[in-house]
Structure formats: C-alpha cells, structure tokens
Amino acid sequence: MLDHIPVVAGLAYAERVRRLPSRFTATLAAEPDNRFNLKAVAVLVDGDKVGYLPPELSRHYFDALKGGVPAECPGRHAPVAEQRDTGVMLLLDFTSLPIQPEE
C-alpha cells in the first residue's frame, strides 16, 4: 500500500508548492517529451505542475498514464520535520489510485 509517495519538486515549483492548501487533489500525467526522464510522470494541482513522481516510481506508472487518461489522488504537505530532513515538501496517497503499477 503506497500512502506516502514523495513528490520531486525543484526550485522552479517552490512558489506553487507554498501556495497549495494543506490538503489537495493531485493529477498524475505522463510526460513523454521530458528530456530528463523518458518515463516522467508530472504531478499537477489545478492544472499547475508542482513536481514529478520520483523516477524509480514513475517508470511503474508511466505506461498506464501515457494513454492520456490522467489519474487523481489525494495529496498533502509533508510534515515540517520531513521537509527539513529530506527536502520533500509534498506527499501523495496512492491507496485509492485507479491505476495499478506495472512491474
């Protein structure tokens, strides 16, 4: 059960992340034209990109999402201690995600 998925977000997304409410709905979308990760999965909130799934996870969800059908899941801000220790600012809950990871 995946209920604490970190979102990889760089400085480019920091301001968007700070403006998010404490809890939100995230949309996952395949990003096949990403030049850094050929199996990138973007994380969007209200149409704004706020980061990506980590590469070790995105490769399992990319093919299910690349058909253009996005998936939604709940998200929240990471606890302050976790933000300090790991730099992770957002967490996603995949327990009710309508798609299954590919092996």
N, C-alpha and C. Protein backbone atom coordinates (compact mmCIF):
# COMPACT_ATOMS: atom_id res chain seq x y z
N MET A 1 0.86 -1.18 0.00
CA MET A 1 0.00 0.00 0.00
C MET A 1 0.90 1.24 0.00
N LEU A 2 0.70 2.10 -0.98
CA LEU A 2 1.53 3.29 -1.11
C LEU A 2 0.75 4.51 -0.64
N ASP A 3 1.09 4.99 0.55
CA ASP A 3 0.33 6.13 1.07
C ASP A 3 1.20 7.33 1.44
N HIS A 4 2.50 7.26 1.16
CA HIS A 4 3.37 8.39 1.44
C HIS A 4 4.37 8.56 0.29
N ILE A 5 3.87 8.84 -0.88
CA ILE A 5 4.70 8.98 -2.07
C ILE A 5 5.26 10.40 -2.11
N PRO A 6 6.59 10.55 -2.11
CA PRO A 6 7.15 11.90 -2.18
C PRO A 6 7.04 12.47 -3.59
N VAL A 7 6.89 13.76 -3.68
CA VAL A 7 6.89 14.47 -4.95
C VAL A 7 8.23 15.16 -5.09
N VAL A 8 8.88 14.94 -6.23
CA VAL A 8 10.15 15.59 -6.51
C VAL A 8 9.83 16.96 -7.09
N ALA A 9 10.19 18.00 -6.38
CA ALA A 9 9.91 19.37 -6.83
C ALA A 9 11.16 20.22 -6.64
N GLY A 10 11.58 20.83 -7.70
CA GLY A 10 12.76 21.68 -7.61
C GLY A 10 12.38 23.11 -7.30
N LEU A 11 13.38 23.97 -7.36
CA LEU A 11 13.15 25.39 -7.07
C LEU A 11 12.12 26.02 -8.00
N ALA A 12 12.03 25.51 -9.21
CA ALA A 12 11.07 26.08 -10.18
C ALA A 12 9.63 25.97 -9.69
N TYR A 13 9.36 25.00 -8.82
CA TYR A 13 8.00 24.77 -8.35
C TYR A 13 7.77 25.21 -6.91
N ALA A 14 8.78 25.73 -6.26
CA ALA A 14 8.69 26.05 -4.83
C ALA A 14 7.55 27.02 -4.51
N GLU A 15 7.39 28.05 -5.29
CA GLU A 15 6.33 29.03 -5.01
C GLU A 15 4.95 28.41 -5.19
N ARG A 16 4.77 27.60 -6.22
CA ARG A 16 3.48 26.92 -6.43
C ARG A 16 3.17 25.99 -5.26
N VAL A 17 4.19 25.28 -4.81
CA VAL A 17 4.01 24.35 -3.70
C VAL A 17 3.62 25.10 -2.44
N ARG A 18 4.25 26.21 -2.16
CA ARG A 18 3.93 27.00 -0.96
C ARG A 18 2.48 27.52 -0.98
N ARG A 19 1.95 27.79 -2.15
CA ARG A 19 0.58 28.33 -2.26
C ARG A 19 -0.50 27.26 -2.13
N LEU A 20 -0.12 26.00 -2.16
CA LEU A 20 -1.12 24.93 -2.08
C LEU A 20 -1.73 24.87 -0.68
N PRO A 21 -3.02 24.50 -0.60
CA PRO A 21 -3.61 24.26 0.73
C PRO A 21 -2.94 23.04 1.35
N SER A 22 -3.16 22.82 2.63
CA SER A 22 -2.51 21.71 3.32
C SER A 22 -2.91 20.35 2.72
N ARG A 23 -4.13 20.25 2.23
CA ARG A 23 -4.59 19.03 1.54
C ARG A 23 -5.18 19.44 0.20
N PHE A 24 -4.97 18.60 -0.81
CA PHE A 24 -5.38 18.94 -2.18
C PHE A 24 -5.54 17.64 -2.97
N THR A 25 -6.08 17.76 -4.18
CA THR A 25 -6.16 16.63 -5.10
C THR A 25 -5.13 16.84 -6.19
N ALA A 26 -4.29 15.83 -6.38
CA ALA A 26 -3.24 15.89 -7.40
C ALA A 26 -3.66 15.06 -8.60
N THR A 27 -3.26 15.51 -9.77
CA THR A 27 -3.48 14.78 -11.01
C THR A 27 -2.12 14.31 -11.51
N LEU A 28 -2.05 13.04 -11.88
CA LEU A 28 -0.82 12.46 -12.43
C LEU A 28 -0.97 12.37 -13.94
N ALA A 29 0.06 12.81 -14.66
CA ALA A 29 0.01 12.77 -16.12
C ALA A 29 1.37 12.38 -16.67
N ALA A 30 1.38 11.45 -17.62
CA ALA A 30 2.62 11.05 -18.28
C ALA A 30 3.17 12.25 -19.05
N GLU A 31 4.47 12.38 -19.05
CA GLU A 31 5.13 13.48 -19.77
C GLU A 31 6.20 12.86 -20.69
N PRO A 32 5.77 12.29 -21.83
CA PRO A 32 6.69 11.55 -22.69
C PRO A 32 7.78 12.40 -23.34
N ASP A 33 7.61 13.69 -23.41
CA ASP A 33 8.60 14.56 -24.04
C ASP A 33 9.62 15.12 -23.04
N ASN A 34 9.62 14.62 -21.82
CA ASN A 34 10.55 15.10 -20.81
C ASN A 34 11.96 14.66 -21.20
N ARG A 35 12.86 15.60 -21.33
CA ARG A 35 14.21 15.27 -21.81
C ARG A 35 15.10 14.66 -20.73
N PHE A 36 14.69 14.74 -19.46
CA PHE A 36 15.50 14.20 -18.37
C PHE A 36 15.07 12.81 -17.95
N ASN A 37 13.80 12.48 -18.15
CA ASN A 37 13.27 11.18 -17.74
C ASN A 37 12.25 10.76 -18.79
N LEU A 38 12.59 9.75 -19.58
CA LEU A 38 11.71 9.31 -20.67
C LEU A 38 10.40 8.71 -20.18
N LYS A 39 10.32 8.41 -18.89
CA LYS A 39 9.08 7.87 -18.30
C LYS A 39 8.61 8.77 -17.17
N ALA A 40 8.73 10.07 -17.38
CA ALA A 40 8.35 11.06 -16.35
C ALA A 40 6.84 11.09 -16.15
N VAL A 41 6.45 11.24 -14.88
CA VAL A 41 5.05 11.43 -14.51
C VAL A 41 4.97 12.74 -13.74
N ALA A 42 4.30 13.71 -14.35
CA ALA A 42 4.14 15.03 -13.73
C ALA A 42 3.02 14.99 -12.70
N VAL A 43 3.18 15.81 -11.66
CA VAL A 43 2.15 15.98 -10.63
C VAL A 43 1.59 17.38 -10.81
N LEU A 44 0.28 17.46 -11.05
CA LEU A 44 -0.39 18.74 -11.27
C LEU A 44 -1.46 18.96 -10.21
N VAL A 45 -1.64 20.21 -9.85
CA VAL A 45 -2.73 20.60 -8.95
C VAL A 45 -3.43 21.78 -9.61
N ASP A 46 -4.70 21.62 -9.88
CA ASP A 46 -5.49 22.64 -10.58
C ASP A 46 -4.82 23.08 -11.88
N GLY A 47 -4.22 22.12 -12.59
CA GLY A 47 -3.60 22.39 -13.87
C GLY A 47 -2.17 22.92 -13.81
N ASP A 48 -1.68 23.25 -12.62
CA ASP A 48 -0.31 23.74 -12.45
C ASP A 48 0.61 22.60 -12.05
N LYS A 49 1.75 22.47 -12.74
CA LYS A 49 2.72 21.46 -12.39
C LYS A 49 3.41 21.87 -11.10
N VAL A 50 3.46 20.92 -10.14
CA VAL A 50 4.12 21.18 -8.86
C VAL A 50 5.30 20.25 -8.62
N GLY A 51 5.57 19.34 -9.55
CA GLY A 51 6.69 18.43 -9.44
C GLY A 51 6.45 17.15 -10.21
N TYR A 52 7.21 16.12 -9.83
CA TYR A 52 7.18 14.83 -10.52
C TYR A 52 7.22 13.69 -9.51
N LEU A 53 6.75 12.53 -9.95
CA LEU A 53 6.98 11.32 -9.18
C LEU A 53 8.47 11.02 -9.26
N PRO A 54 9.05 10.44 -8.23
CA PRO A 54 10.45 10.03 -8.31
C PRO A 54 10.63 9.04 -9.47
N PRO A 55 11.77 9.09 -10.17
CA PRO A 55 11.98 8.21 -11.33
C PRO A 55 11.78 6.72 -11.03
N GLU A 56 12.18 6.27 -9.83
CA GLU A 56 12.03 4.85 -9.52
C GLU A 56 10.57 4.44 -9.41
N LEU A 57 9.66 5.39 -9.22
CA LEU A 57 8.22 5.09 -9.20
C LEU A 57 7.56 5.42 -10.54
N SER A 58 7.97 6.50 -11.17
CA SER A 58 7.31 6.93 -12.41
C SER A 58 7.38 5.85 -13.48
N ARG A 59 8.46 5.09 -13.52
CA ARG A 59 8.58 4.05 -14.55
C ARG A 59 7.50 2.98 -14.41
N HIS A 60 6.97 2.79 -13.20
CA HIS A 60 5.92 1.80 -12.99
C HIS A 60 4.52 2.32 -13.36
N TYR A 61 4.34 3.63 -13.41
CA TYR A 61 3.03 4.21 -13.69
C TYR A 61 2.93 4.87 -15.07
N PHE A 62 4.06 5.13 -15.68
CA PHE A 62 4.10 5.88 -16.93
C PHE A 62 3.21 5.26 -18.01
N ASP A 63 3.40 3.98 -18.31
CA ASP A 63 2.66 3.35 -19.41
C ASP A 63 1.15 3.38 -19.19
N ALA A 64 0.71 3.21 -17.95
CA ALA A 64 -0.72 3.25 -17.66
C ALA A 64 -1.29 4.65 -17.88
N LEU A 65 -0.44 5.68 -17.71
CA LEU A 65 -0.90 7.07 -17.85
C LEU A 65 -0.69 7.64 -19.25
N LYS A 66 0.20 7.05 -20.05
CA LYS A 66 0.55 7.68 -21.32
C LYS A 66 -0.57 7.67 -22.34
N GLY A 67 -1.61 6.91 -22.10
CA GLY A 67 -2.76 6.92 -23.00
C GLY A 67 -3.55 8.21 -22.93
N GLY A 68 -3.13 9.12 -22.06
CA GLY A 68 -3.78 10.42 -21.97
C GLY A 68 -4.85 10.50 -20.90
N VAL A 69 -5.13 9.39 -20.23
CA VAL A 69 -6.12 9.42 -19.16
C VAL A 69 -5.40 9.67 -17.85
N PRO A 70 -5.52 10.88 -17.31
CA PRO A 70 -4.83 11.17 -16.04
C PRO A 70 -5.52 10.47 -14.88
N ALA A 71 -4.79 10.35 -13.79
CA ALA A 71 -5.34 9.75 -12.58
C ALA A 71 -5.23 10.77 -11.46
N GLU A 72 -6.16 10.72 -10.52
CA GLU A 72 -6.16 11.66 -9.40
C GLU A 72 -5.94 10.91 -8.09
N CYS A 73 -5.31 11.62 -7.16
CA CYS A 73 -5.09 11.06 -5.82
C CYS A 73 -4.99 12.21 -4.82
N PRO A 74 -5.25 11.92 -3.55
CA PRO A 74 -5.11 12.96 -2.53
C PRO A 74 -3.63 13.28 -2.28
N GLY A 75 -3.38 14.53 -1.93
CA GLY A 75 -2.03 14.96 -1.59
C GLY A 75 -2.07 15.86 -0.38
N ARG A 76 -0.90 16.05 0.23
CA ARG A 76 -0.80 16.94 1.39
C ARG A 76 0.62 17.43 1.51
N HIS A 77 0.81 18.46 2.29
CA HIS A 77 2.15 18.94 2.61
C HIS A 77 2.81 17.95 3.55
N ALA A 78 4.10 17.73 3.35
CA ALA A 78 4.87 16.86 4.25
C ALA A 78 5.04 17.56 5.59
N PRO A 79 5.19 16.81 6.67
CA PRO A 79 5.46 17.44 7.96
C PRO A 79 6.75 18.27 7.89
N VAL A 80 6.78 19.34 8.67
CA VAL A 80 7.92 20.26 8.65
C VAL A 80 9.23 19.52 8.91
N ALA A 81 9.25 18.59 9.86
CA ALA A 81 10.47 17.85 10.17
C ALA A 81 10.96 17.08 8.94
N GLU A 82 10.05 16.49 8.20
CA GLU A 82 10.43 15.74 6.99
C GLU A 82 10.95 16.69 5.92
N GLN A 83 10.33 17.86 5.81
CA GLN A 83 10.81 18.84 4.84
C GLN A 83 12.24 19.23 5.16
N ARG A 84 12.53 19.44 6.45
CA ARG A 84 13.88 19.81 6.88
C ARG A 84 14.87 18.69 6.62
N ASP A 85 14.49 17.46 6.97
CA ASP A 85 15.40 16.32 6.88
C ASP A 85 15.63 15.82 5.46
N THR A 86 14.57 15.82 4.64
CA THR A 86 14.68 15.21 3.31
C THR A 86 14.49 16.18 2.16
N GLY A 87 13.92 17.35 2.43
CA GLY A 87 13.62 18.29 1.36
C GLY A 87 12.30 18.00 0.66
N VAL A 88 11.63 16.91 1.04
CA VAL A 88 10.34 16.56 0.44
C VAL A 88 9.28 17.49 1.01
N MET A 89 8.56 18.18 0.10
CA MET A 89 7.55 19.15 0.55
C MET A 89 6.12 18.62 0.41
N LEU A 90 5.91 17.66 -0.50
CA LEU A 90 4.57 17.14 -0.74
C LEU A 90 4.57 15.63 -0.71
N LEU A 91 3.46 15.07 -0.24
CA LEU A 91 3.27 13.62 -0.22
C LEU A 91 1.95 13.29 -0.90
N LEU A 92 1.92 12.18 -1.62
CA LEU A 92 0.71 11.71 -2.28
C LEU A 92 0.28 10.39 -1.67
N ASP A 93 -1.03 10.13 -1.73
CA ASP A 93 -1.60 8.89 -1.22
C ASP A 93 -2.13 8.08 -2.41
N PHE A 94 -1.47 6.97 -2.71
CA PHE A 94 -1.84 6.15 -3.85
C PHE A 94 -2.79 5.01 -3.48
N THR A 95 -3.27 4.95 -2.25
CA THR A 95 -4.09 3.81 -1.82
C THR A 95 -5.37 3.65 -2.64
N SER A 96 -5.91 4.73 -3.18
CA SER A 96 -7.13 4.62 -3.98
C SER A 96 -6.90 5.00 -5.44
N LEU A 97 -5.64 4.99 -5.88
CA LEU A 97 -5.32 5.33 -7.26
C LEU A 97 -5.98 4.33 -8.20
N PRO A 98 -6.68 4.82 -9.24
CA PRO A 98 -7.43 3.90 -10.12
C PRO A 98 -6.55 3.10 -11.07
N ILE A 99 -5.25 3.37 -11.13
CA ILE A 99 -4.36 2.59 -11.99
C ILE A 99 -3.41 1.77 -11.14
N GLN A 100 -2.96 0.68 -11.68
CA GLN A 100 -2.03 -0.19 -10.96
C GLN A 100 -0.64 -0.04 -11.56
N PRO A 101 0.39 -0.13 -10.71
CA PRO A 101 1.74 -0.02 -11.23
C PRO A 101 2.10 -1.23 -12.08
N GLU A 102 2.95 -1.01 -13.08
CA GLU A 102 3.45 -2.11 -13.89
C GLU A 102 4.80 -2.53 -13.34
N GLU A 103 5.06 -3.78 -13.39
CA GLU A 103 6.33 -4.30 -12.86
C GLU A 103 7.45 -4.08 -13.80
